Structures are given as C-alpha cells and as structure tokens.
C-alpha atoms as a PDB file:
ATOM      1  CA  MET A   1      -0.057   0.129  -0.177  1.00  0.00           C
ATOM      2  CA  LYS A   2       2.940   2.751   1.039  1.00  0.00           C
ATOM      3  CA  CYS A   3       4.260   1.625  -2.801  1.00  0.00           C
ATOM      4  CA  LEU A   4       1.055   2.463  -4.060  1.00  0.00           C
ATOM      5  CA  PHE A   5       0.832   5.692  -2.332  1.00  0.00           C
ATOM      6  CA  LEU A   6       4.225   6.799  -2.991  1.00  0.00           C
ATOM      7  CA  LEU A   7       4.217   5.736  -6.792  1.00  0.00           C
ATOM      8  CA  CYS A   8       0.863   7.913  -7.198  1.00  0.00           C
ATOM      9  CA  LEU A   9       2.016  10.604  -5.778  1.00  0.00           C
ATOM     10  CA  CYS A  10       5.242  10.213  -8.103  1.00  0.00           C
ATOM     11  CA  LEU A  11       2.790  10.147 -11.510  1.00  0.00           C
ATOM     12  CA  VAL A  12       0.973  13.069 -10.722  1.00  0.00           C
ATOM     13  CA  PRO A  13       2.327  15.634 -11.697  1.00  0.00           C
ATOM     14  CA  ILE A  14       3.104  14.098 -15.455  1.00  0.00           C
ATOM     15  CA  VAL A  15      -0.011  11.556 -16.410  1.00  0.00           C
ATOM     16  CA  VAL A  16      -1.613  12.119 -19.339  1.00  0.00           C
ATOM     17  CA  PHE A  17      -5.173  11.987 -18.790  1.00  0.00           C
ATOM     18  CA  SER A  18      -8.097  11.163 -21.287  1.00  0.00           C
ATOM     19  CA  SER A  19     -10.970  13.010 -22.652  1.00  0.00           C
ATOM     20  CA  THR A  20     -13.429  10.531 -21.488  1.00  0.00           C
ATOM     21  CA  PHE A  21     -13.618  12.089 -18.312  1.00  0.00           C
ATOM     22  CA  THR A  22     -14.874  16.435 -19.191  1.00  0.00           C
ATOM     23  CA  SER A  23     -18.053  17.365 -18.578  1.00  0.00           C
ATOM     24  CA  GLN A  24     -18.740  17.140 -22.236  1.00  0.00           C
ATOM     25  CA  ASN A  25     -18.424  13.245 -21.705  1.00  0.00           C
ATOM     26  CA  PRO A  26     -19.965  12.518 -18.245  1.00  0.00           C
ATOM     27  CA  ILE A  27     -19.475   9.644 -16.656  1.00  0.00           C
ATOM     28  CA  ASN A  28     -21.987   6.658 -15.959  1.00  0.00           C
ATOM     29  CA  LEU A  29     -22.951   5.464 -13.172  1.00  0.00           C
ATOM     30  CA  PRO A  30     -24.485   2.038 -12.696  1.00  0.00           C
ATOM     31  CA  SER A  31     -27.935   2.346 -11.986  1.00  0.00           C
ATOM     32  CA  ASP A  32     -28.257   1.171  -8.522  1.00  0.00           C
ATOM     33  CA  ALA A  33     -25.738   4.128  -7.871  1.00  0.00           C
ATOM     34  CA  THR A  34     -26.437   5.567  -4.532  1.00  0.00           C
ATOM     35  CA  PRO A  35     -26.929   9.114  -3.102  1.00  0.00           C
ATOM     36  CA  VAL A  36     -25.495  11.334  -0.976  1.00  0.00           C
ATOM     37  CA  LEU A  37     -27.351  11.845   2.103  1.00  0.00           C
ATOM     38  CA  ASP A  38     -26.677  15.159   4.489  1.00  0.00           C
ATOM     39  CA  VAL A  39     -27.004  15.142   7.874  1.00  0.00           C
ATOM     40  CA  THR A  40     -30.579  15.317   7.782  1.00  0.00           C
ATOM     41  CA  GLY A  41     -30.735  12.380   5.448  1.00  0.00           C
ATOM     42  CA  LYS A  42     -31.853  14.843   2.372  1.00  0.00           C
ATOM     43  CA  GLU A  43     -29.869  13.654  -1.123  1.00  0.00           C
ATOM     44  CA  LEU A  44     -27.111  16.402  -1.683  1.00  0.00           C
ATOM     45  CA  ASP A  45     -27.655  18.290  -4.474  1.00  0.00           C
ATOM     46  CA  PRO A  46     -25.542  20.107  -6.712  1.00  0.00           C
ATOM     47  CA  ARG A  47     -27.596  23.696  -6.651  1.00  0.00           C
ATOM     48  CA  LEU A  48     -27.203  23.765  -3.085  1.00  0.00           C
ATOM     49  CA  SER A  49     -24.778  25.031  -0.728  1.00  0.00           C
ATOM     50  CA  TYR A  50     -22.640  22.648   1.960  1.00  0.00           C
ATOM     51  CA  ARG A  51     -20.376  23.178   4.602  1.00  0.00           C
ATOM     52  CA  ILE A  52     -18.239  20.025   5.255  1.00  0.00           C
ATOM     53  CA  ILE A  53     -17.946  19.213   8.757  1.00  0.00           C
ATOM     54  CA  SER A  54     -15.428  16.673  10.250  1.00  0.00           C
ATOM     55  CA  ILE A  55     -17.245  13.838  12.202  1.00  0.00           C
ATOM     56  CA  GLY A  56     -15.758  14.024  15.963  1.00  0.00           C
ATOM     57  CA  ARG A  57     -15.297  16.106  19.265  1.00  0.00           C
ATOM     58  CA  GLY A  58     -13.512  18.397  20.336  1.00  0.00           C
ATOM     59  CA  ALA A  59      -9.588  18.533  19.073  1.00  0.00           C
ATOM     60  CA  LEU A  60     -11.247  16.199  16.205  1.00  0.00           C
ATOM     61  CA  GLY A  61     -13.685  18.215  14.814  1.00  0.00           C
ATOM     62  CA  GLY A  62     -14.088  21.630  12.943  1.00  0.00           C
ATOM     63  CA  ASP A  63     -15.364  22.466   9.682  1.00  0.00           C
ATOM     64  CA  VAL A  64     -12.850  22.862   6.429  1.00  0.00           C
ATOM     65  CA  TYR A  65     -12.261  26.433   5.329  1.00  0.00           C
ATOM     66  CA  LEU A  66     -10.787  28.267   2.548  1.00  0.00           C
ATOM     67  CA  GLY A  67      -7.342  30.384   4.239  1.00  0.00           C
ATOM     68  CA  LYS A  68      -4.236  31.422   3.086  1.00  0.00           C
ATOM     69  CA  SER A  69      -1.700  29.073   2.727  1.00  0.00           C
ATOM     70  CA  PRO A  70       1.725  29.761   4.261  1.00  0.00           C
ATOM     71  CA  ASN A  71       4.655  30.790   2.213  1.00  0.00           C
ATOM     72  CA  SER A  72       2.084  30.998  -0.943  1.00  0.00           C
ATOM     73  CA  ASP A  73       2.247  33.726  -3.263  1.00  0.00           C
ATOM     74  CA  ALA A  74      -1.046  33.400  -5.084  1.00  0.00           C
ATOM     75  CA  PRO A  75      -3.059  36.567  -5.138  1.00  0.00           C
ATOM     76  CA  CYS A  76      -5.818  35.014  -3.534  1.00  0.00           C
ATOM     77  CA  ALA A  77      -6.466  32.443  -0.204  1.00  0.00           C
ATOM     78  CA  ASN A  78      -6.006  29.036  -1.742  1.00  0.00           C
ATOM     79  CA  GLY A  79      -5.140  26.835   1.275  1.00  0.00           C
ATOM     80  CA  VAL A  80      -7.983  23.870   2.051  1.00  0.00           C
ATOM     81  CA  PHE A  81      -8.215  23.817   6.000  1.00  0.00           C
ATOM     82  CA  ARG A  82      -9.830  22.430   9.050  1.00  0.00           C
ATOM     83  CA  PHE A  83     -10.667  23.660  12.417  1.00  0.00           C
ATOM     84  CA  ASN A  84      -8.692  23.166  14.795  1.00  0.00           C
ATOM     85  CA  SER A  85     -12.179  22.243  17.394  1.00  0.00           C
ATOM     86  CA  ASP A  86     -15.923  21.529  16.566  1.00  0.00           C
ATOM     87  CA  VAL A  87     -16.147  24.520  19.039  1.00  0.00           C
ATOM     88  CA  GLY A  88     -15.810  27.898  17.105  1.00  0.00           C
ATOM     89  CA  PRO A  89     -16.056  29.513  13.430  1.00  0.00           C
ATOM     90  CA  SER A  90     -18.373  27.349  10.308  1.00  0.00           C
ATOM     91  CA  GLY A  91     -16.568  26.306   7.496  1.00  0.00           C
ATOM     92  CA  THR A  92     -17.181  28.227   4.141  1.00  0.00           C
ATOM     93  CA  PRO A  93     -19.813  26.842   1.981  1.00  0.00           C
ATOM     94  CA  VAL A  94     -18.968  24.102  -0.939  1.00  0.00           C
ATOM     95  CA  ARG A  95     -21.131  22.538  -3.593  1.00  0.00           C
ATOM     96  CA  PHE A  96     -20.410  19.688  -5.449  1.00  0.00           C
ATOM     97  CA  ILE A  97     -20.724  19.745  -9.302  1.00  0.00           C
ATOM     98  CA  GLY A  98     -20.853  16.252 -10.278  1.00  0.00           C
ATOM     99  CA  SER A  99     -19.711  13.961 -12.994  1.00  0.00           C
ATOM    100  CA  SER A 100     -22.755  12.463 -14.047  1.00  0.00           C
ATOM    101  CA  SER A 101     -25.305  15.267 -14.505  1.00  0.00           C
ATOM    102  CA  HIS A 102     -27.601  13.362 -16.657  1.00  0.00           C
ATOM    103  CA  PHE A 103     -28.519  11.558 -14.028  1.00  0.00           C
ATOM    104  CA  GLY A 104     -30.156  14.804 -12.876  1.00  0.00           C
ATOM    105  CA  PRO A 105     -29.857  16.317  -9.766  1.00  0.00           C
ATOM    106  CA  HIS A 106     -28.145  14.318  -7.294  1.00  0.00           C
ATOM    107  CA  ILE A 107     -24.613  13.588  -6.112  1.00  0.00           C
ATOM    108  CA  PHE A 108     -23.757   9.992  -5.832  1.00  0.00           C
ATOM    109  CA  GLU A 109     -21.042   7.799  -3.626  1.00  0.00           C
ATOM    110  CA  GLY A 110     -18.372   6.973  -5.773  1.00  0.00           C
ATOM    111  CA  GLU A 111     -18.512   9.718  -8.271  1.00  0.00           C
ATOM    112  CA  LEU A 112     -16.038  11.823  -9.863  1.00  0.00           C
ATOM    113  CA  LEU A 113     -16.696  15.539  -9.133  1.00  0.00           C
ATOM    114  CA  ASN A 114     -15.358  18.868  -8.514  1.00  0.00           C
ATOM    115  CA  ILE A 115     -15.766  20.690  -5.126  1.00  0.00           C
ATOM    116  CA  GLN A 116     -15.641  24.805  -4.802  1.00  0.00           C
ATOM    117  CA  PHE A 117     -15.787  26.898  -2.079  1.00  0.00           C
ATOM    118  CA  ASP A 118     -19.824  28.734  -2.727  1.00  0.00           C
ATOM    119  CA  ILE A 119     -18.453  32.472  -1.425  1.00  0.00           C
ATOM    120  CA  SER A 120     -18.854  35.893  -3.386  1.00  0.00           C
ATOM    121  CA  THR A 121     -14.455  36.741  -4.646  1.00  0.00           C
ATOM    122  CA  VAL A 122     -13.437  39.188  -7.475  1.00  0.00           C
ATOM    123  CA  LYS A 123     -13.076  38.431 -11.056  1.00  0.00           C
ATOM    124  CA  LEU A 124      -8.921  37.442 -10.076  1.00  0.00           C
ATOM    125  CA  CYS A 125     -10.168  34.730  -7.329  1.00  0.00           C
ATOM    126  CA  VAL A 126     -12.375  32.807  -8.961  1.00  0.00           C
ATOM    127  CA  SER A 127     -10.004  29.942  -9.939  1.00  0.00           C
ATOM    128  CA  TYR A 128      -8.751  30.034  -6.780  1.00  0.00           C
ATOM    129  CA  THR A 129     -12.672  28.572  -5.603  1.00  0.00           C
ATOM    130  CA  ILE A 130     -12.008  24.873  -7.140  1.00  0.00           C
ATOM    131  CA  TRP A 131     -10.298  22.580  -4.984  1.00  0.00           C
ATOM    132  CA  LYS A 132      -7.035  20.582  -6.686  1.00  0.00           C
ATOM    133  CA  VAL A 133      -4.199  18.568  -5.028  1.00  0.00           C
ATOM    134  CA  GLY A 134      -0.984  20.626  -5.246  1.00  0.00           C
ATOM    135  CA  ASP A 135       2.652  19.739  -5.375  1.00  0.00           C
ATOM    136  CA  TYR A 136       4.502  17.359  -3.819  1.00  0.00           C
ATOM    137  CA  ASP A 137       5.427  19.373  -0.207  1.00  0.00           C
ATOM    138  CA  ALA A 138       8.687  17.571   1.059  1.00  0.00           C
ATOM    139  CA  SER A 139       8.474  18.985   4.467  1.00  0.00           C
ATOM    140  CA  LEU A 140       5.605  17.481   5.095  1.00  0.00           C
ATOM    141  CA  GLY A 141       5.939  14.189   3.221  1.00  0.00           C
ATOM    142  CA  THR A 142       2.517  14.365   0.953  1.00  0.00           C
ATOM    143  CA  MET A 143       1.006  16.456  -1.609  1.00  0.00           C
ATOM    144  CA  LEU A 144      -1.963  18.932  -0.078  1.00  0.00           C
ATOM    145  CA  LEU A 145      -5.155  20.297  -0.898  1.00  0.00           C
ATOM    146  CA  GLU A 146      -5.585  24.008  -2.669  1.00  0.00           C
ATOM    147  CA  THR A 147      -7.710  25.746  -4.769  1.00  0.00           C
ATOM    148  CA  GLY A 148      -6.685  26.920  -8.573  1.00  0.00           C
ATOM    149  CA  GLY A 149      -8.334  23.410  -9.986  1.00  0.00           C
ATOM    150  CA  THR A 150     -10.878  23.656 -12.926  1.00  0.00           C
ATOM    151  CA  ILE A 151     -13.929  22.378 -13.341  1.00  0.00           C
ATOM    152  CA  GLY A 152     -15.099  19.367 -15.893  1.00  0.00           C
ATOM    153  CA  GLN A 153     -11.622  18.896 -16.986  1.00  0.00           C
ATOM    154  CA  ALA A 154      -9.529  15.090 -16.186  1.00  0.00           C
ATOM    155  CA  ASP A 155      -6.702  16.950 -14.054  1.00  0.00           C
ATOM    156  CA  SER A 156      -5.462  17.503 -10.521  1.00  0.00           C
ATOM    157  CA  SER A 157      -9.317  18.603  -9.470  1.00  0.00           C
ATOM    158  CA  TRP A 158     -11.376  14.603  -9.660  1.00  0.00           C
ATOM    159  CA  PHE A 159     -12.608  14.368  -6.199  1.00  0.00           C
ATOM    160  CA  LYS A 160     -15.339  11.200  -4.879  1.00  0.00           C
ATOM    161  CA  ILE A 161     -17.317  10.815  -1.769  1.00  0.00           C
ATOM    162  CA  VAL A 162     -17.344   7.372  -0.142  1.00  0.00           C
ATOM    163  CA  LYS A 163     -18.830   5.574   2.578  1.00  0.00           C
ATOM    164  CA  SER A 164     -16.741   5.527   5.632  1.00  0.00           C
ATOM    165  CA  SER A 165     -15.804   2.655   7.142  1.00  0.00           C
ATOM    166  CA  GLN A 166     -16.126   4.625  10.600  1.00  0.00           C
ATOM    167  CA  LEU A 167     -18.807   7.309  10.508  1.00  0.00           C
ATOM    168  CA  GLY A 168     -20.211   9.564   7.717  1.00  0.00           C
ATOM    169  CA  TYR A 169     -18.191   9.652   4.229  1.00  0.00           C
ATOM    170  CA  ASN A 170     -14.506   9.855   3.342  1.00  0.00           C
ATOM    171  CA  LEU A 171     -13.300  12.203   0.528  1.00  0.00           C
ATOM    172  CA  LEU A 172     -10.874  10.402  -2.265  1.00  0.00           C
ATOM    173  CA  TYR A 173      -8.427  12.322  -4.901  1.00  0.00           C
ATOM    174  CA  CYS A 174      -9.138  10.250  -7.929  1.00  0.00           C
ATOM    175  CA  PRO A 175      -6.017  11.307 -10.427  1.00  0.00           C
ATOM    176  CA  PHE A 176      -6.135   8.665 -12.821  1.00  0.00           C
ATOM    177  CA  SER A 177      -9.730   7.455 -13.366  1.00  0.00           C
ATOM    178  CA  SER A 178     -13.018   6.372 -11.788  1.00  0.00           C
ATOM    179  CA  ASP A 179     -11.100   3.160 -10.586  1.00  0.00           C
ATOM    180  CA  ASP A 180     -11.055   3.192  -7.210  1.00  0.00           C
ATOM    181  CA  GLN A 181      -7.332   1.350  -6.613  1.00  0.00           C
ATOM    182  CA  PHE A 182      -6.059   4.357  -8.492  1.00  0.00           C
ATOM    183  CA  CYS A 183      -7.760   6.824  -5.458  1.00  0.00           C
ATOM    184  CA  LEU A 184      -6.009   8.526  -2.296  1.00  0.00           C
ATOM    185  CA  LYS A 185      -7.364   8.954   0.757  1.00  0.00           C
ATOM    186  CA  VAL A 186      -7.973  12.781   2.004  1.00  0.00           C
ATOM    187  CA  GLY A 187      -6.937  13.443   5.517  1.00  0.00           C
ATOM    188  CA  VAL A 188      -5.283  15.833   8.027  1.00  0.00           C
ATOM    189  CA  VAL A 189      -2.066  17.146   8.070  1.00  0.00           C
ATOM    190  CA  HIS A 190      -0.709  19.267  10.642  1.00  0.00           C
ATOM    191  CA  GLN A 191       0.887  23.052   8.972  1.00  0.00           C
ATOM    192  CA  ASN A 192       2.163  25.794  11.055  1.00  0.00           C
ATOM    193  CA  GLY A 193      -0.331  25.240  14.095  1.00  0.00           C
ATOM    194  CA  LYS A 194      -3.286  25.006  11.138  1.00  0.00           C
ATOM    195  CA  ARG A 195      -5.209  21.374  10.326  1.00  0.00           C
ATOM    196  CA  ARG A 196      -4.102  21.038   6.186  1.00  0.00           C
ATOM    197  CA  LEU A 197      -6.711  18.365   4.420  1.00  0.00           C
ATOM    198  CA  ALA A 198      -3.818  16.601   2.456  1.00  0.00           C
ATOM    199  CA  LEU A 199      -3.178  12.967   0.745  1.00  0.00           C
ATOM    200  CA  VAL A 200      -2.571  10.267   3.832  1.00  0.00           C
ATOM    201  CA  LYS A 201      -1.761   6.474   3.120  1.00  0.00           C
ATOM    202  CA  ASP A 202      -4.149   6.278   6.780  1.00  0.00           C
ATOM    203  CA  ASN A 203      -6.728   7.781   9.083  1.00  0.00           C
ATOM    204  CA  PRO A 204      -9.088   9.741   6.593  1.00  0.00           C
ATOM    205  CA  LEU A 205     -10.990  12.425   7.574  1.00  0.00           C
ATOM    206  CA  ASP A 206     -14.557  11.320   8.701  1.00  0.00           C
ATOM    207  CA  VAL A 207     -17.096  13.803   7.420  1.00  0.00           C
ATOM    208  CA  SER A 208     -20.407  14.883   6.859  1.00  0.00           C
ATOM    209  CA  PHE A 209     -22.269  17.336   5.000  1.00  0.00           C
ATOM    210  CA  LYS A 210     -24.823  20.544   6.364  1.00  0.00           C
ATOM    211  CA  GLN A 211     -26.864  22.238   3.542  1.00  0.00           C
ATOM    212  CA  VAL A 212     -26.326  26.073   3.898  1.00  0.00           C
ATOM    213  CA  GLN A 213     -29.673  28.104   4.718  1.00  0.00           C
END
C-alpha cells in the first residue's frame, strides 16, 4: 500500500489524462448508484451549498474552510483547512459538481466530481475557489489540497465521496480514472499550527455535509 501511495504521488504531475473525463463526456454510473446524504438524511443537490464537517468532538471536529496557505505567493486565499475544534467558526460553504449531470440533481457515492468553495469573490480569485491537489510538499511528505483547479476537466481536480468505514463519508482524490485502486485518501496534516487537508495513507478524514440555509 505504501508503494502504491508513493507511486501515485510521483506520477500525478506527469500523467496524461483521457478526454473521457470531461463535462462534455460525463461518467456513466450504475443504475443502483447510491446518493450521498446530508446530516438530515436528504440527498445532496449540486444546486445547493453545504458545509463539510469533520465528524468528531473537540480537537477531532471542525469545519473545512478556505484560508491563506503559508508562504504562498498566490494572489488569493488558496489553502483547504479544517478548523482546530468543533467549537468555533462555521466552515466555508462548498458545492459539489458531479460528472454524471445527466442523472439529474444528485451527487452519488463514488462519482467523480469537482468541489468548489461557494463564495462571492473578485474575478481574479474565481479559479481560487475550485479544489485541486497541489505539488508534493517535501517538508510534510505528501501533497496538500489547495485551490486553483478547473471544473469538468480530467486533471488534479477530480474527487469522490465514498462511505466511510467508520462514520459518515470520506473524500478521495482520483487523478487517474474512476477506478478506486488509483484513488488516494484525503486526511489532515499539521502545517504551521493549522490542520491542512492533504493526501494520507491512513486515517482519512470522516466528514458529513450540512446544507447552508
């Protein structure tokens, strides 16, 4: 498993992606695909905004938010973080943009999708709302989640929501294809006193989704 993780990290920057995975060629899902549910049991709707909430109490909890990356020269906030506790500010709203739009207004488990912070921003910063996975960070030994991605293109911006083996859901990063064996788990690492979302081998972040009213 360790070898696969390191291999994926090495290949991500150079892999050539198929044009199959575009908004013009949406992914086909099985007829029995399972919709992702929010904390109230309602199906996620790509037209609505949600907060991503870490399942846990105290230091294990906390919403996901958009913040400034340490030592970044990006003109806009471009880091994907999790608050240090479940007692504190609400996270930054996101919306989920699925690759199977012909299935209607739903988000399904295992569906390739893009994640975008749903906030008002200046034109310069629009692309800095779309999640992606950045370059390898040697000091942390992994790749960090950041913004600056694209929507509907087969690049470093494809994710999945899958059912957690514990509680709630996990987020996966799937750069190669829709095959889960090439997906990597999204978890949390410590960066300058903050909890930064990043690719991990173990202990993925267990999350739930709460609709923004």
